[in-house]
Amino acid sequence: MSWETKYPNFGILKIDGRKVKVYSDKNSYITIDASKDITNATWAGGELNLTLSDGRVRRYKDKNSYITI
């Protein structure tokens, strides 16, 4: 499964400590809890990259599954 196109197309991400809000429009979002502080969140094509405070990068291909790169 992959991200619905409405999320990367809207493109807004808001970091809140250990969580990131992934917006699909100005009022709707889903929350991902990384369990570690997040320092950066960016879209890379249709995948979401979260940089954690320990320097590791998690690549989310959807809201539930990720790999550490």
N, C-alpha and C. Protein backbone atom coordinates (compact mmCIF):
# COMPACT_ATOMS: atom_id res chain seq x y z
N MET A 1 0.84 -1.17 0.00
CA MET A 1 0.00 0.00 0.00
C MET A 1 0.89 1.24 0.00
N SER A 2 0.37 2.33 -0.55
CA SER A 2 1.16 3.56 -0.57
C SER A 2 0.27 4.73 -0.14
N TRP A 3 0.90 5.89 -0.02
CA TRP A 3 0.18 7.09 0.40
C TRP A 3 -0.90 7.44 -0.63
N GLU A 4 -2.05 7.86 -0.16
CA GLU A 4 -3.05 8.43 -1.05
C GLU A 4 -2.44 9.71 -1.62
N THR A 5 -2.66 9.99 -2.87
CA THR A 5 -2.01 11.13 -3.53
C THR A 5 -2.37 12.47 -2.90
N LYS A 6 -3.48 12.54 -2.19
CA LYS A 6 -3.87 13.82 -1.58
C LYS A 6 -2.86 14.29 -0.53
N TYR A 7 -2.13 13.37 0.11
CA TYR A 7 -1.15 13.77 1.12
C TYR A 7 0.12 14.37 0.50
N PRO A 8 0.84 13.66 -0.37
CA PRO A 8 2.03 14.29 -0.96
C PRO A 8 1.69 15.47 -1.87
N ASN A 9 0.51 15.46 -2.51
CA ASN A 9 0.14 16.58 -3.37
C ASN A 9 -0.09 17.86 -2.56
N PHE A 10 -0.71 17.75 -1.38
CA PHE A 10 -0.90 18.93 -0.53
C PHE A 10 0.43 19.34 0.08
N GLY A 11 1.22 18.35 0.53
CA GLY A 11 2.61 18.57 0.89
C GLY A 11 2.93 19.18 2.24
N ILE A 12 1.93 19.44 3.08
CA ILE A 12 2.21 20.10 4.36
C ILE A 12 2.44 19.07 5.47
N LEU A 13 3.55 19.24 6.19
CA LEU A 13 3.93 18.40 7.32
C LEU A 13 4.22 19.31 8.51
N LYS A 14 3.73 18.94 9.68
CA LYS A 14 3.98 19.75 10.88
C LYS A 14 4.55 18.87 11.97
N ILE A 15 5.76 19.18 12.40
CA ILE A 15 6.44 18.40 13.44
C ILE A 15 6.02 18.91 14.80
N ASP A 16 5.69 17.98 15.69
CA ASP A 16 5.32 18.30 17.07
C ASP A 16 6.02 17.31 17.99
N GLY A 17 7.33 17.55 18.23
CA GLY A 17 8.11 16.67 19.10
C GLY A 17 8.34 15.31 18.48
N ARG A 18 7.66 14.29 19.00
CA ARG A 18 7.80 12.92 18.52
C ARG A 18 6.75 12.54 17.49
N LYS A 19 5.92 13.49 17.14
CA LYS A 19 4.83 13.23 16.19
C LYS A 19 4.93 14.19 15.01
N VAL A 20 4.40 13.74 13.89
CA VAL A 20 4.29 14.60 12.73
C VAL A 20 2.86 14.51 12.21
N LYS A 21 2.30 15.67 11.88
CA LYS A 21 0.97 15.72 11.28
C LYS A 21 1.15 15.80 9.78
N VAL A 22 0.48 14.91 9.07
CA VAL A 22 0.55 14.84 7.61
C VAL A 22 -0.80 15.31 7.08
N TYR A 23 -0.80 16.47 6.46
CA TYR A 23 -2.05 17.10 6.02
C TYR A 23 -2.44 16.67 4.62
N SER A 24 -3.77 16.54 4.41
CA SER A 24 -4.32 16.28 3.07
C SER A 24 -5.06 17.51 2.56
N ASP A 25 -5.42 18.42 3.45
CA ASP A 25 -5.96 19.73 3.13
C ASP A 25 -5.77 20.60 4.36
N LYS A 26 -6.28 21.83 4.34
CA LYS A 26 -5.95 22.75 5.44
C LYS A 26 -6.55 22.35 6.78
N ASN A 27 -7.53 21.45 6.79
CA ASN A 27 -8.17 21.05 8.04
C ASN A 27 -8.01 19.58 8.40
N SER A 28 -7.60 18.75 7.46
CA SER A 28 -7.55 17.30 7.68
C SER A 28 -6.11 16.79 7.68
N TYR A 29 -5.81 15.95 8.66
CA TYR A 29 -4.47 15.38 8.75
C TYR A 29 -4.53 14.05 9.48
N ILE A 30 -3.45 13.29 9.32
CA ILE A 30 -3.23 12.09 10.13
C ILE A 30 -1.96 12.33 10.94
N THR A 31 -1.82 11.64 12.05
CA THR A 31 -0.65 11.81 12.91
C THR A 31 0.16 10.53 12.92
N ILE A 32 1.48 10.68 12.77
CA ILE A 32 2.41 9.56 12.89
C ILE A 32 3.24 9.80 14.14
N ASP A 33 3.28 8.81 15.01
CA ASP A 33 4.08 8.87 16.23
C ASP A 33 5.36 8.09 15.99
N ALA A 34 6.50 8.78 15.96
CA ALA A 34 7.79 8.14 15.68
C ALA A 34 8.44 7.58 16.94
N SER A 35 7.93 7.86 18.12
CA SER A 35 8.47 7.41 19.41
C SER A 35 9.85 7.99 19.73
N LYS A 36 10.35 8.85 18.87
CA LYS A 36 11.61 9.58 19.09
C LYS A 36 11.41 10.98 18.55
N ASP A 37 12.18 11.94 19.07
CA ASP A 37 12.06 13.31 18.58
C ASP A 37 12.39 13.37 17.09
N ILE A 38 11.61 14.16 16.37
CA ILE A 38 11.77 14.33 14.93
C ILE A 38 12.40 15.70 14.69
N THR A 39 13.46 15.74 13.86
CA THR A 39 14.12 17.01 13.56
C THR A 39 13.76 17.54 12.18
N ASN A 40 13.31 16.66 11.28
CA ASN A 40 12.97 17.10 9.93
C ASN A 40 11.98 16.11 9.32
N ALA A 41 11.09 16.63 8.48
CA ALA A 41 10.12 15.80 7.76
C ALA A 41 9.99 16.36 6.35
N THR A 42 10.21 15.51 5.34
CA THR A 42 10.13 15.96 3.95
C THR A 42 9.50 14.88 3.08
N TRP A 43 8.85 15.32 2.02
CA TRP A 43 8.35 14.38 1.01
C TRP A 43 9.45 14.13 0.00
N ALA A 44 9.62 12.88 -0.38
CA ALA A 44 10.54 12.49 -1.45
C ALA A 44 9.72 11.68 -2.44
N GLY A 45 9.15 12.37 -3.42
CA GLY A 45 8.22 11.72 -4.33
C GLY A 45 6.97 11.34 -3.55
N GLY A 46 6.61 10.08 -3.57
CA GLY A 46 5.44 9.61 -2.84
C GLY A 46 5.76 9.00 -1.50
N GLU A 47 6.98 9.23 -0.99
CA GLU A 47 7.38 8.69 0.31
C GLU A 47 7.74 9.81 1.27
N LEU A 48 7.50 9.55 2.54
CA LEU A 48 7.76 10.54 3.59
C LEU A 48 9.04 10.16 4.33
N ASN A 49 9.98 11.10 4.41
CA ASN A 49 11.22 10.88 5.15
C ASN A 49 11.19 11.67 6.44
N LEU A 50 11.39 10.96 7.56
CA LEU A 50 11.49 11.60 8.87
C LEU A 50 12.90 11.44 9.38
N THR A 51 13.55 12.55 9.70
CA THR A 51 14.87 12.51 10.31
C THR A 51 14.67 12.61 11.82
N LEU A 52 15.21 11.63 12.54
CA LEU A 52 15.07 11.57 13.98
C LEU A 52 16.25 12.26 14.66
N SER A 53 16.09 12.56 15.93
CA SER A 53 17.13 13.29 16.67
C SER A 53 18.45 12.52 16.77
N ASP A 54 18.40 11.19 16.62
CA ASP A 54 19.63 10.40 16.66
C ASP A 54 20.30 10.32 15.29
N GLY A 55 19.76 11.02 14.27
CA GLY A 55 20.36 11.05 12.95
C GLY A 55 19.81 10.02 11.99
N ARG A 56 19.04 9.08 12.47
CA ARG A 56 18.46 8.06 11.60
C ARG A 56 17.32 8.66 10.78
N VAL A 57 17.14 8.09 9.60
CA VAL A 57 16.06 8.53 8.72
C VAL A 57 15.11 7.37 8.50
N ARG A 58 13.83 7.62 8.75
CA ARG A 58 12.79 6.63 8.48
C ARG A 58 12.06 7.04 7.21
N ARG A 59 11.90 6.11 6.29
CA ARG A 59 11.17 6.36 5.06
C ARG A 59 9.84 5.62 5.13
N TYR A 60 8.78 6.39 5.18
CA TYR A 60 7.42 5.84 5.26
C TYR A 60 6.84 5.74 3.87
N LYS A 61 6.46 4.53 3.46
CA LYS A 61 5.78 4.38 2.17
C LYS A 61 4.27 4.50 2.32
N ASP A 62 3.80 4.43 3.55
CA ASP A 62 2.41 4.73 3.91
C ASP A 62 2.40 5.09 5.40
N LYS A 63 1.24 5.32 5.96
CA LYS A 63 1.21 5.81 7.34
C LYS A 63 1.60 4.77 8.38
N ASN A 64 1.68 3.50 8.00
CA ASN A 64 1.97 2.44 8.96
C ASN A 64 3.32 1.75 8.78
N SER A 65 3.88 1.76 7.60
CA SER A 65 5.10 0.98 7.39
C SER A 65 6.26 1.87 6.95
N TYR A 66 7.43 1.57 7.50
CA TYR A 66 8.62 2.35 7.18
C TYR A 66 9.84 1.45 7.18
N ILE A 67 10.90 1.95 6.58
CA ILE A 67 12.22 1.33 6.69
C ILE A 67 13.16 2.41 7.20
N THR A 68 14.21 2.00 7.88
CA THR A 68 15.24 2.93 8.34
C THR A 68 16.35 2.93 7.30
N ILE A 69 16.70 4.13 6.82
CA ILE A 69 17.74 4.21 5.79
C ILE A 69 18.94 4.97 6.32
